[in-house]
C-alpha atoms as a PDB file:
ATOM      1  CA  MET A   1      13.725 -10.027   1.604  1.00  0.00           C
ATOM      2  CA  ASP A   2      11.670 -13.133   2.455  1.00  0.00           C
ATOM      3  CA  HIS A   3      13.175 -15.819   4.693  1.00  0.00           C
ATOM      4  CA  VAL A   4      12.187 -19.326   5.706  1.00  0.00           C
ATOM      5  CA  TRP A   5      10.437 -18.041   8.857  1.00  0.00           C
ATOM      6  CA  MET A   6       8.463 -15.346   7.005  1.00  0.00           C
ATOM      7  CA  PRO A   7       4.767 -15.714   7.933  1.00  0.00           C
ATOM      8  CA  VAL A   8       2.638 -16.624   4.922  1.00  0.00           C
ATOM      9  CA  SER A   9      -1.078 -17.098   4.417  1.00  0.00           C
ATOM     10  CA  PRO A  10      -2.716 -19.139   1.655  1.00  0.00           C
ATOM     11  CA  CYS A  11      -5.761 -16.855   1.756  1.00  0.00           C
ATOM     12  CA  GLY A  12      -6.667 -14.890  -1.350  1.00  0.00           C
ATOM     13  CA  PRO A  13      -9.607 -13.951  -3.610  1.00  0.00           C
ATOM     14  CA  GLY A  14     -10.851 -17.540  -3.525  1.00  0.00           C
ATOM     15  CA  CYS A  15     -11.646 -17.131   0.185  1.00  0.00           C
ATOM     16  CA  LEU A  16     -14.152 -14.325  -0.374  1.00  0.00           C
ATOM     17  CA  THR A  17     -17.724 -15.148   0.612  1.00  0.00           C
ATOM     18  CA  ARG A  18     -20.432 -14.838  -2.020  1.00  0.00           C
ATOM     19  CA  ASP A  19     -23.793 -13.093  -2.302  1.00  0.00           C
ATOM     20  CA  GLU A  20     -22.957 -10.413   0.240  1.00  0.00           C
ATOM     21  CA  PRO A  21     -25.472  -7.576   0.755  1.00  0.00           C
ATOM     22  CA  VAL A  22     -24.065  -4.392  -0.771  1.00  0.00           C
ATOM     23  CA  VAL A  23     -24.916  -0.699  -0.977  1.00  0.00           C
ATOM     24  CA  GLY A  24     -25.164   1.419  -4.106  1.00  0.00           C
ATOM     25  CA  LEU A  25     -22.471   3.668  -5.553  1.00  0.00           C
ATOM     26  CA  PRO A  26     -23.778   6.947  -4.038  1.00  0.00           C
ATOM     27  CA  ARG A  27     -23.624   5.493  -0.538  1.00  0.00           C
ATOM     28  CA  ARG A  28     -20.102   4.177  -1.131  1.00  0.00           C
ATOM     29  CA  VAL A  29     -18.997   7.651  -2.198  1.00  0.00           C
ATOM     30  CA  VAL A  30     -20.524   9.148   0.948  1.00  0.00           C
ATOM     31  CA  ARG A  31     -18.697   6.588   3.085  1.00  0.00           C
ATOM     32  CA  PHE A  32     -15.344   7.428   1.525  1.00  0.00           C
ATOM     33  CA  ALA A  33     -16.040  11.155   1.892  1.00  0.00           C
ATOM     34  CA  ARG A  34     -16.839  10.761   5.580  1.00  0.00           C
ATOM     35  CA  ALA A  35     -13.735   8.648   6.185  1.00  0.00           C
ATOM     36  CA  ALA A  36     -11.576  11.226   4.407  1.00  0.00           C
ATOM     37  CA  ALA A  37     -13.079  13.983   6.549  1.00  0.00           C
ATOM     38  CA  VAL A  38     -12.341  12.058   9.761  1.00  0.00           C
ATOM     39  CA  LEU A  39      -8.730  11.474   8.712  1.00  0.00           C
ATOM     40  CA  CYS A  40      -8.208  15.096   7.665  1.00  0.00           C
ATOM     41  CA  VAL A  41      -9.524  16.396  10.981  1.00  0.00           C
ATOM     42  CA  ALA A  42      -7.341  13.873  12.822  1.00  0.00           C
ATOM     43  CA  LEU A  43      -4.224  15.006  10.969  1.00  0.00           C
ATOM     44  CA  LEU A  44      -4.972  18.664  11.614  1.00  0.00           C
ATOM     45  CA  LEU A  45      -5.482  18.077  15.334  1.00  0.00           C
ATOM     46  CA  ALA A  46      -2.628  15.585  15.782  1.00  0.00           C
ATOM     47  CA  PRO A  47      -0.011  18.249  16.710  1.00  0.00           C
ATOM     48  CA  CYS A  48      -2.285  19.399  19.545  1.00  0.00           C
ATOM     49  CA  LEU A  49      -2.478  15.960  21.151  1.00  0.00           C
ATOM     50  CA  ALA A  50       0.893  16.370  22.844  1.00  0.00           C
ATOM     51  CA  ALA A  51      -0.548  19.178  24.971  1.00  0.00           C
ATOM     52  CA  LEU A  52      -3.314  16.951  26.345  1.00  0.00           C
ATOM     53  CA  PRO A  53      -2.991  14.748  29.434  1.00  0.00           C
ATOM     54  CA  ALA A  54      -2.774  11.008  28.798  1.00  0.00           C
ATOM     55  CA  ALA A  55      -6.486  10.436  29.419  1.00  0.00           C
ATOM     56  CA  GLY A  56      -7.368  13.237  27.014  1.00  0.00           C
ATOM     57  CA  ARG A  57      -5.119  11.814  24.310  1.00  0.00           C
ATOM     58  CA  ARG A  58      -6.744   8.402  24.681  1.00  0.00           C
ATOM     59  CA  ARG A  59     -10.218   9.907  24.362  1.00  0.00           C
ATOM     60  CA  ALA A  60      -9.202  11.838  21.251  1.00  0.00           C
ATOM     61  CA  VAL A  61      -7.622   8.794  19.601  1.00  0.00           C
ATOM     62  CA  ARG A  62     -10.646   6.667  20.490  1.00  0.00           C
ATOM     63  CA  LEU A  63     -12.943   9.226  18.849  1.00  0.00           C
ATOM     64  CA  VAL A  64     -10.891   9.164  15.643  1.00  0.00           C
ATOM     65  CA  PHE A  65     -11.020   5.392  15.317  1.00  0.00           C
ATOM     66  CA  ARG A  66     -14.700   5.268  16.231  1.00  0.00           C
ATOM     67  CA  GLY A  67     -15.261   7.945  13.624  1.00  0.00           C
ATOM     68  CA  LEU A  68     -13.622   5.747  10.986  1.00  0.00           C
ATOM     69  CA  LEU A  69     -15.887   2.839  11.879  1.00  0.00           C
ATOM     70  CA  ALA A  70     -18.907   5.127  11.747  1.00  0.00           C
ATOM     71  CA  ALA A  71     -17.807   6.518   8.376  1.00  0.00           C
ATOM     72  CA  PHE A  72     -17.946   3.022   6.853  1.00  0.00           C
ATOM     73  CA  GLU A  73     -21.088   2.200   8.878  1.00  0.00           C
ATOM     74  CA  VAL A  74     -19.372  -0.636  10.718  1.00  0.00           C
ATOM     75  CA  ARG A  75     -21.174  -1.669  13.914  1.00  0.00           C
ATOM     76  CA  LEU A  76     -18.732  -2.634  16.648  1.00  0.00           C
ATOM     77  CA  VAL A  77     -20.003  -5.236  19.131  1.00  0.00           C
ATOM     78  CA  VAL A  78     -17.760  -5.715  22.170  1.00  0.00           C
ATOM     79  CA  HIS A  79     -17.940  -8.660  24.564  1.00  0.00           C
ATOM     80  CA  GLY A  80     -15.992  -7.983  27.763  1.00  0.00           C
ATOM     81  CA  GLU A  81     -13.862  -5.022  28.805  1.00  0.00           C
ATOM     82  CA  LEU A  82     -10.537  -4.066  27.283  1.00  0.00           C
ATOM     83  CA  ASP A  83      -8.980  -1.715  29.767  1.00  0.00           C
ATOM     84  CA  SER A  84      -5.652  -1.146  31.405  1.00  0.00           C
ATOM     85  CA  PRO A  85      -5.106  -3.438  34.401  1.00  0.00           C
ATOM     86  CA  GLY A  86      -2.977  -0.692  35.961  1.00  0.00           C
ATOM     87  CA  ARG A  87       0.203  -1.995  34.356  1.00  0.00           C
ATOM     88  CA  GLY A  88       1.468  -3.006  30.958  1.00  0.00           C
ATOM     89  CA  ALA A  89      -0.058  -5.908  29.052  1.00  0.00           C
ATOM     90  CA  LEU A  90       0.500  -7.596  25.712  1.00  0.00           C
ATOM     91  CA  VAL A  91      -2.800  -7.553  23.801  1.00  0.00           C
ATOM     92  CA  VAL A  92      -2.877 -10.191  21.052  1.00  0.00           C
ATOM     93  CA  ASN A  93      -5.548 -10.876  18.439  1.00  0.00           C
ATOM     94  CA  ASN A  94      -6.242 -12.918  15.342  1.00  0.00           C
ATOM     95  CA  HIS A  95      -5.449 -10.857  12.243  1.00  0.00           C
ATOM     96  CA  ILE A  96      -7.937 -10.454   9.400  1.00  0.00           C
ATOM     97  CA  SER A  97      -8.107  -6.863   8.199  1.00  0.00           C
ATOM     98  CA  TRP A  98      -6.785  -3.340   8.444  1.00  0.00           C
ATOM     99  CA  LEU A  99     -10.006  -2.793  10.408  1.00  0.00           C
ATOM    100  CA  ASP A 100      -8.572  -4.871  13.269  1.00  0.00           C
ATOM    101  CA  ILE A 101      -6.331  -2.091  14.559  1.00  0.00           C
ATOM    102  CA  VAL A 102      -9.159   0.417  14.082  1.00  0.00           C
ATOM    103  CA  ALA A 103     -11.501  -1.705  16.217  1.00  0.00           C
ATOM    104  CA  VAL A 104      -8.983  -2.331  19.008  1.00  0.00           C
ATOM    105  CA  ASN A 105      -8.166   1.375  19.285  1.00  0.00           C
ATOM    106  CA  ALA A 106     -11.837   2.335  19.093  1.00  0.00           C
ATOM    107  CA  VAL A 107     -12.244   0.361  22.326  1.00  0.00           C
ATOM    108  CA  ARG A 108      -8.935   1.155  24.043  1.00  0.00           C
ATOM    109  CA  PRO A 109      -6.189   3.187  22.341  1.00  0.00           C
ATOM    110  CA  MET A 110      -2.781   1.549  22.717  1.00  0.00           C
ATOM    111  CA  ARG A 111       0.593   1.184  21.089  1.00  0.00           C
ATOM    112  CA  ALA A 112       0.897  -1.404  18.360  1.00  0.00           C
ATOM    113  CA  LEU A 113       3.538  -3.584  16.813  1.00  0.00           C
ATOM    114  CA  ALA A 114       2.974  -3.117  13.100  1.00  0.00           C
ATOM    115  CA  LYS A 115       4.689  -4.131   9.904  1.00  0.00           C
ATOM    116  CA  ARG A 116       6.840  -1.284   8.636  1.00  0.00           C
ATOM    117  CA  GLU A 117       4.798  -1.060   5.405  1.00  0.00           C
ATOM    118  CA  ILE A 118       1.929   0.481   7.386  1.00  0.00           C
ATOM    119  CA  ALA A 119       4.035   3.590   8.019  1.00  0.00           C
ATOM    120  CA  ARG A 120       3.819   4.291   4.265  1.00  0.00           C
ATOM    121  CA  TRP A 121       0.025   4.011   4.077  1.00  0.00           C
ATOM    122  CA  PRO A 122      -1.558   7.350   3.170  1.00  0.00           C
ATOM    123  CA  VAL A 123      -2.888   9.269   6.187  1.00  0.00           C
ATOM    124  CA  LEU A 124      -3.699   6.180   8.285  1.00  0.00           C
ATOM    125  CA  GLY A 125      -0.002   5.308   8.440  1.00  0.00           C
ATOM    126  CA  ARG A 126       0.820   8.718   9.894  1.00  0.00           C
ATOM    127  CA  LEU A 127      -1.874   8.337  12.538  1.00  0.00           C
ATOM    128  CA  VAL A 128      -0.621   4.892  13.515  1.00  0.00           C
ATOM    129  CA  SER A 129       2.925   6.251  13.761  1.00  0.00           C
ATOM    130  CA  ARG A 130       1.827   9.152  15.957  1.00  0.00           C
ATOM    131  CA  SER A 131       0.206   6.697  18.372  1.00  0.00           C
ATOM    132  CA  GLY A 132       3.654   5.354  19.267  1.00  0.00           C
ATOM    133  CA  SER A 133       3.693   2.251  17.100  1.00  0.00           C
ATOM    134  CA  ILE A 134       6.728  -0.011  17.096  1.00  0.00           C
ATOM    135  CA  TYR A 135       7.553  -1.180  13.585  1.00  0.00           C
ATOM    136  CA  LEU A 136       8.690  -4.658  12.633  1.00  0.00           C
ATOM    137  CA  ASP A 137      10.742  -5.438   9.536  1.00  0.00           C
ATOM    138  CA  ARG A 138       9.305  -8.868   8.732  1.00  0.00           C
ATOM    139  CA  GLY A 139      11.775  -9.402   5.908  1.00  0.00           C
ATOM    140  CA  ARG A 140      14.838  -9.144   8.175  1.00  0.00           C
ATOM    141  CA  LEU A 141      14.822 -11.842  10.817  1.00  0.00           C
ATOM    142  CA  SER A 142      17.977 -10.375  12.373  1.00  0.00           C
ATOM    143  CA  THR A 143      15.981  -7.363  13.625  1.00  0.00           C
ATOM    144  CA  LEU A 144      13.527  -9.487  15.640  1.00  0.00           C
ATOM    145  CA  PRO A 145      15.483  -9.597  18.959  1.00  0.00           C
ATOM    146  CA  ALA A 146      15.772  -5.803  19.025  1.00  0.00           C
ATOM    147  CA  THR A 147      12.066  -5.471  18.235  1.00  0.00           C
ATOM    148  CA  VAL A 148      11.147  -7.855  21.059  1.00  0.00           C
ATOM    149  CA  ALA A 149      13.353  -5.803  23.396  1.00  0.00           C
ATOM    150  CA  ARG A 150      11.563  -2.565  22.403  1.00  0.00           C
ATOM    151  CA  VAL A 151       8.164  -4.139  23.029  1.00  0.00           C
ATOM    152  CA  ALA A 152       9.336  -5.485  26.415  1.00  0.00           C
ATOM    153  CA  ALA A 153      10.596  -2.030  27.379  1.00  0.00           C
ATOM    154  CA  ALA A 154       7.238  -0.469  26.485  1.00  0.00           C
ATOM    155  CA  LEU A 155       5.435  -3.110  28.553  1.00  0.00           C
ATOM    156  CA  ARG A 156       7.681  -2.478  31.559  1.00  0.00           C
ATOM    157  CA  GLU A 157       6.874   1.223  31.278  1.00  0.00           C
ATOM    158  CA  GLY A 158       3.177   0.380  31.701  1.00  0.00           C
ATOM    159  CA  SER A 159       2.014   0.526  28.081  1.00  0.00           C
ATOM    160  CA  LEU A 160      -0.554  -1.726  26.491  1.00  0.00           C
ATOM    161  CA  VAL A 161       0.950  -3.054  23.253  1.00  0.00           C
ATOM    162  CA  ASN A 162      -1.150  -4.687  20.542  1.00  0.00           C
ATOM    163  CA  VAL A 163       0.470  -7.547  18.612  1.00  0.00           C
ATOM    164  CA  THR A 164      -0.885  -9.855  15.885  1.00  0.00           C
ATOM    165  CA  PRO A 165       1.098 -13.068  16.469  1.00  0.00           C
ATOM    166  CA  GLU A 166      -0.052 -14.808  13.286  1.00  0.00           C
ATOM    167  CA  GLY A 167       2.355 -12.437  11.566  1.00  0.00           C
ATOM    168  CA  THR A 168       0.101 -11.805   8.566  1.00  0.00           C
ATOM    169  CA  THR A 169      -3.578 -11.502   7.680  1.00  0.00           C
ATOM    170  CA  TRP A 170      -5.926 -14.443   7.158  1.00  0.00           C
ATOM    171  CA  CYS A 171      -9.455 -14.495   5.757  1.00  0.00           C
ATOM    172  CA  GLY A 172     -11.220 -15.315   9.041  1.00  0.00           C
ATOM    173  CA  SER A 173     -12.600 -18.624   7.793  1.00  0.00           C
ATOM    174  CA  ALA A 174      -9.048 -19.893   8.175  1.00  0.00           C
ATOM    175  CA  SER A 175      -6.389 -18.714  10.604  1.00  0.00           C
ATOM    176  CA  GLY A 176      -2.712 -19.226  11.311  1.00  0.00           C
ATOM    177  CA  ARG A 177      -0.929 -20.411  14.413  1.00  0.00           C
ATOM    178  CA  PHE A 178       0.244 -17.880  16.952  1.00  0.00           C
ATOM    179  CA  ARG A 179       4.009 -17.618  16.561  1.00  0.00           C
ATOM    180  CA  PRO A 180       5.748 -17.530  19.940  1.00  0.00           C
ATOM    181  CA  ALA A 181       8.616 -15.082  19.347  1.00  0.00           C
ATOM    182  CA  LEU A 182       6.837 -11.891  20.380  1.00  0.00           C
ATOM    183  CA  PHE A 183       5.351 -13.491  23.493  1.00  0.00           C
ATOM    184  CA  GLN A 184       8.897 -13.336  24.857  1.00  0.00           C
ATOM    185  CA  ALA A 185       8.310  -9.602  25.312  1.00  0.00           C
ATOM    186  CA  ALA A 186       5.559 -10.306  27.857  1.00  0.00           C
ATOM    187  CA  ILE A 187       7.836 -12.724  29.726  1.00  0.00           C
ATOM    188  CA  ASP A 188      10.762 -10.282  29.712  1.00  0.00           C
ATOM    189  CA  GLY A 189       8.476  -7.419  30.702  1.00  0.00           C
ATOM    190  CA  GLY A 190       6.861  -9.406  33.518  1.00  0.00           C
ATOM    191  CA  VAL A 191       3.329  -8.640  32.307  1.00  0.00           C
ATOM    192  CA  GLY A 192       0.218 -10.596  31.386  1.00  0.00           C
ATOM    193  CA  VAL A 193      -1.237 -11.362  27.973  1.00  0.00           C
ATOM    194  CA  VAL A 194      -4.786 -10.359  27.002  1.00  0.00           C
ATOM    195  CA  PRO A 195      -6.122 -12.402  24.053  1.00  0.00           C
ATOM    196  CA  VAL A 196      -8.697 -10.681  21.843  1.00  0.00           C
ATOM    197  CA  ALA A 197     -10.811 -12.471  19.225  1.00  0.00           C
ATOM    198  CA  LEU A 198     -12.216 -10.705  16.166  1.00  0.00           C
ATOM    199  CA  ARG A 199     -14.987 -11.817  13.837  1.00  0.00           C
ATOM    200  CA  TYR A 200     -16.780 -10.085  10.950  1.00  0.00           C
ATOM    201  CA  ARG A 201     -20.440 -10.582  10.039  1.00  0.00           C
ATOM    202  CA  SER A 202     -22.475  -9.150   7.182  1.00  0.00           C
ATOM    203  CA  GLY A 203     -25.901  -7.569   7.519  1.00  0.00           C
ATOM    204  CA  ASP A 204     -27.714 -10.900   7.229  1.00  0.00           C
ATOM    205  CA  GLY A 205     -25.792 -12.357  10.193  1.00  0.00           C
ATOM    206  CA  ARG A 206     -23.456 -14.639   8.241  1.00  0.00           C
ATOM    207  CA  GLN A 207     -19.719 -14.607   8.817  1.00  0.00           C
ATOM    208  CA  THR A 208     -18.089 -12.655   6.004  1.00  0.00           C
ATOM    209  CA  THR A 209     -14.540 -12.625   4.679  1.00  0.00           C
ATOM    210  CA  TRP A 210     -14.972  -9.426   2.660  1.00  0.00           C
ATOM    211  CA  PRO A 211     -13.117  -7.231   5.194  1.00  0.00           C
ATOM    212  CA  ALA A 212     -10.054  -9.507   4.936  1.00  0.00           C
ATOM    213  CA  PHE A 213      -6.917  -7.818   3.598  1.00  0.00           C
ATOM    214  CA  VAL A 214      -5.193 -10.808   2.025  1.00  0.00           C
ATOM    215  CA  GLY A 215      -3.215 -11.955  -0.980  1.00  0.00           C
ATOM    216  CA  THR A 216      -1.635  -9.388  -3.246  1.00  0.00           C
ATOM    217  CA  GLU A 217      -4.490  -6.893  -3.206  1.00  0.00           C
ATOM    218  CA  SER A 218      -3.823  -3.247  -2.413  1.00  0.00           C
ATOM    219  CA  LEU A 219      -5.208  -1.318   0.529  1.00  0.00           C
ATOM    220  CA  ILE A 220      -7.432   0.627  -1.876  1.00  0.00           C
ATOM    221  CA  GLU A 221      -8.992  -2.602  -3.173  1.00  0.00           C
ATOM    222  CA  SER A 222      -9.734  -3.716   0.377  1.00  0.00           C
ATOM    223  CA  LEU A 223     -11.203  -0.314   1.244  1.00  0.00           C
ATOM    224  CA  ARG A 224     -13.501  -0.452  -1.766  1.00  0.00           C
ATOM    225  CA  ARG A 225     -14.821  -3.867  -0.783  1.00  0.00           C
ATOM    226  CA  VAL A 226     -15.517  -2.760   2.799  1.00  0.00           C
ATOM    227  CA  ALA A 227     -17.267   0.354   1.476  1.00  0.00           C
ATOM    228  CA  ARG A 228     -19.608  -1.872  -0.560  1.00  0.00           C
ATOM    229  CA  LEU A 229     -20.773  -4.030   2.362  1.00  0.00           C
ATOM    230  CA  ARG A 230     -24.174  -3.371   3.874  1.00  0.00           C
ATOM    231  CA  GLY A 231     -24.580  -3.783   7.629  1.00  0.00           C
ATOM    232  CA  LEU A 232     -21.045  -4.926   8.482  1.00  0.00           C
ATOM    233  CA  VAL A 233     -20.724  -6.038  12.118  1.00  0.00           C
ATOM    234  CA  LEU A 234     -17.329  -6.392  13.782  1.00  0.00           C
ATOM    235  CA  GLU A 235     -17.391  -8.533  16.924  1.00  0.00           C
ATOM    236  CA  LEU A 236     -14.582  -8.110  19.445  1.00  0.00           C
ATOM    237  CA  PHE A 237     -14.260 -10.633  22.283  1.00  0.00           C
ATOM    238  CA  VAL A 238     -11.963  -9.784  25.215  1.00  0.00           C
ATOM    239  CA  CYS A 239     -10.655 -12.977  26.839  1.00  0.00           C
ATOM    240  CA  PRO A 240      -9.438 -13.302  30.449  1.00  0.00           C
ATOM    241  CA  GLU A 241      -5.861 -12.190  30.994  1.00  0.00           C
ATOM    242  CA  ILE A 242      -3.163 -14.872  31.037  1.00  0.00           C
ATOM    243  CA  ALA A 243      -1.294 -13.932  34.192  1.00  0.00           C
ATOM    244  CA  PRO A 244       2.494 -13.551  34.306  1.00  0.00           C
ATOM    245  CA  GLY A 245       4.177 -16.828  35.166  1.00  0.00           C
ATOM    246  CA  ARG A 246       1.273 -19.052  34.139  1.00  0.00           C
ATOM    247  CA  ALA A 247       3.133 -20.363  31.084  1.00  0.00           C
ATOM    248  CA  ALA A 248       6.472 -22.142  31.307  1.00  0.00           C
ATOM    249  CA  ASP A 249       7.816 -20.449  28.191  1.00  0.00           C
ATOM    250  CA  ARG A 250       6.805 -18.335  25.193  1.00  0.00           C
ATOM    251  CA  ALA A 251       5.660 -21.361  23.179  1.00  0.00           C
ATOM    252  CA  GLU A 252       3.180 -22.372  25.867  1.00  0.00           C
ATOM    253  CA  LEU A 253       2.081 -18.750  26.237  1.00  0.00           C
ATOM    254  CA  ALA A 254       1.357 -18.584  22.497  1.00  0.00           C
ATOM    255  CA  ARG A 255      -0.654 -21.813  22.654  1.00  0.00           C
ATOM    256  CA  LEU A 256      -2.697 -20.558  25.605  1.00  0.00           C
ATOM    257  CA  ALA A 257      -3.490 -17.291  23.822  1.00  0.00           C
ATOM    258  CA  GLN A 258      -4.441 -19.052  20.587  1.00  0.00           C
ATOM    259  CA  ALA A 259      -6.682 -21.492  22.466  1.00  0.00           C
ATOM    260  CA  ALA A 260      -8.407 -18.572  24.214  1.00  0.00           C
ATOM    261  CA  VAL A 261      -9.149 -16.877  20.886  1.00  0.00           C
ATOM    262  CA  HIS A 262     -10.615 -20.058  19.386  1.00  0.00           C
ATOM    263  CA  ALA A 263     -12.669 -20.662  22.528  1.00  0.00           C
ATOM    264  CA  ALA A 264     -14.102 -17.135  22.329  1.00  0.00           C
ATOM    265  CA  LEU A 265     -15.058 -17.638  18.683  1.00  0.00           C
ATOM    266  CA  GLY A 266     -16.485 -21.088  19.385  1.00  0.00           C
ATOM    267  CA  THR A 267     -14.205 -22.763  16.864  1.00  0.00           C
ATOM    268  CA  THR A 268     -12.069 -25.869  16.987  1.00  0.00           C
ATOM    269  CA  GLN A 269      -8.777 -26.347  15.217  1.00  0.00           C
ATOM    270  CA  LEU A 270      -8.159 -28.509  12.173  1.00  0.00           C
ATOM    271  CA  VAL A 271      -4.545 -28.266  11.084  1.00  0.00           C
ATOM    272  CA  ARG A 272      -3.737 -28.930   7.441  1.00  0.00           C
ATOM    273  CA  PRO A 273      -0.032 -29.771   6.904  1.00  0.00           C
ATOM    274  CA  ALA A 274       1.288 -26.777   5.022  1.00  0.00           C
ATOM    275  CA  ARG A 275       3.642 -23.900   5.523  1.00  0.00           C
ATOM    276  CA  GLY A 276       1.939 -21.602   7.979  1.00  0.00           C
ATOM    277  CA  ARG A 277      -0.245 -24.395   9.457  1.00  0.00           C
ATOM    278  CA  VAL A 278      -3.767 -23.548   8.394  1.00  0.00           C
ATOM    279  CA  VAL A 279      -6.357 -23.606  11.160  1.00  0.00           C
ATOM    280  CA  ARG A 280      -9.946 -23.807   9.942  1.00  0.00           C
ATOM    281  CA  PRO A 281     -12.926 -22.988  12.163  1.00  0.00           C
ATOM    282  CA  VAL A 282     -15.391 -25.854  12.439  1.00  0.00           C
ATOM    283  CA  ARG A 283     -18.239 -24.743  14.683  1.00  0.00           C
ATOM    284  CA  PRO A 284     -19.089 -21.019  14.660  1.00  0.00           C
ATOM    285  CA  VAL A 285     -21.241 -19.671  17.453  1.00  0.00           C
ATOM    286  CA  GLY A 286     -24.204 -17.407  16.958  1.00  0.00           C
ATOM    287  CA  SER A 287     -24.102 -13.643  17.195  1.00  0.00           C
ATOM    288  CA  LEU A 288     -24.260 -12.192  20.679  1.00  0.00           C
ATOM    289  CA  PRO A 289     -26.194  -8.994  21.420  1.00  0.00           C
ATOM    290  CA  ALA A 290     -23.882  -6.970  23.701  1.00  0.00           C
ATOM    291  CA  THR A 291     -23.111  -3.704  21.910  1.00  0.00           C
ATOM    292  CA  VAL A 292     -21.054  -0.655  22.843  1.00  0.00           C
END
C-alpha cells in the first residue's frame, strides 16, 4: 500500500531520448540468448558457491554480472576503485536501471538493499537473493526501522551494502533527492559511506535514457529496449569515502553523498517544487577514457 512518504518519480516514456542507434532483430535475439545462457549457468552453479571461500565466491559472482553486461554488449567504464576498505561500508548510488545493480556487482560483488519485488523477478531475482540481499517493503513504512537495523548489523559484520537512496528509479536526465532514512544504518554501524555515480551513454557518445526502468513499464519492456541499443556505455564513478563522524546526522550525510554524486557527473541541481523534488542535470561532462 502506498503512503505519503512513498518515493515517486515523474519519469516515464516521455523522458526517453530520441534517434538512438539500434541493432537489428537477429543481433537482439543473440543478445537475449547469451544473457539466458549466462543466467542458466549461474543458477546451475549457485548451489556450489557455498563451498567456495569468500574470495572465490566474489570472483564467481563478478563473472556472472560481467557476463550479463557482455551478453547485452554493454561496455563498463569505471573511474576509481570500488573495493573493501577492510571494514563495512554503505555504498550508495543514483538509481536509473536494473543494470545499476549488475554494474556495481560486476566491479565489486556486495549485498544489496532491494525492493521486495525484485525477489519475484525471473532468474535474476533468485541470483540477487542468493547474494544475501536485504529486502525492503516500500509500501509498509512501519517495516523501515527493522530494515535499517538489518543493514546496520550487516555493516558492523564487515559487509559492503549497496543502497539506492532515491528510493525509486529516475531517467538519468532527472534525479531525485537522496532520502536520509537509510543513512542511519551507516551511523549506527559506525562505517563510512561510498557514493557511486552512474551514467549511460549511447554509441554516439550522447547521454541516453533508454536503459532507464521507469514508469509502469515491465522488466521485459526495459530488457527489450536495452537489447536494441547499439554501443551502450555505462560509466561508473567511485567517489571518495565519507568517513564515519564527518556528518552531524543522517540528513547531512545524505546531502554530502548526493553532492558527491552530482560532482562526479559534473551536474548542478535545479529543484522543481514537486513531490519527490526533481533534480535536473544542467552541465554534463564529457566522456572519460578509463576502462576496466
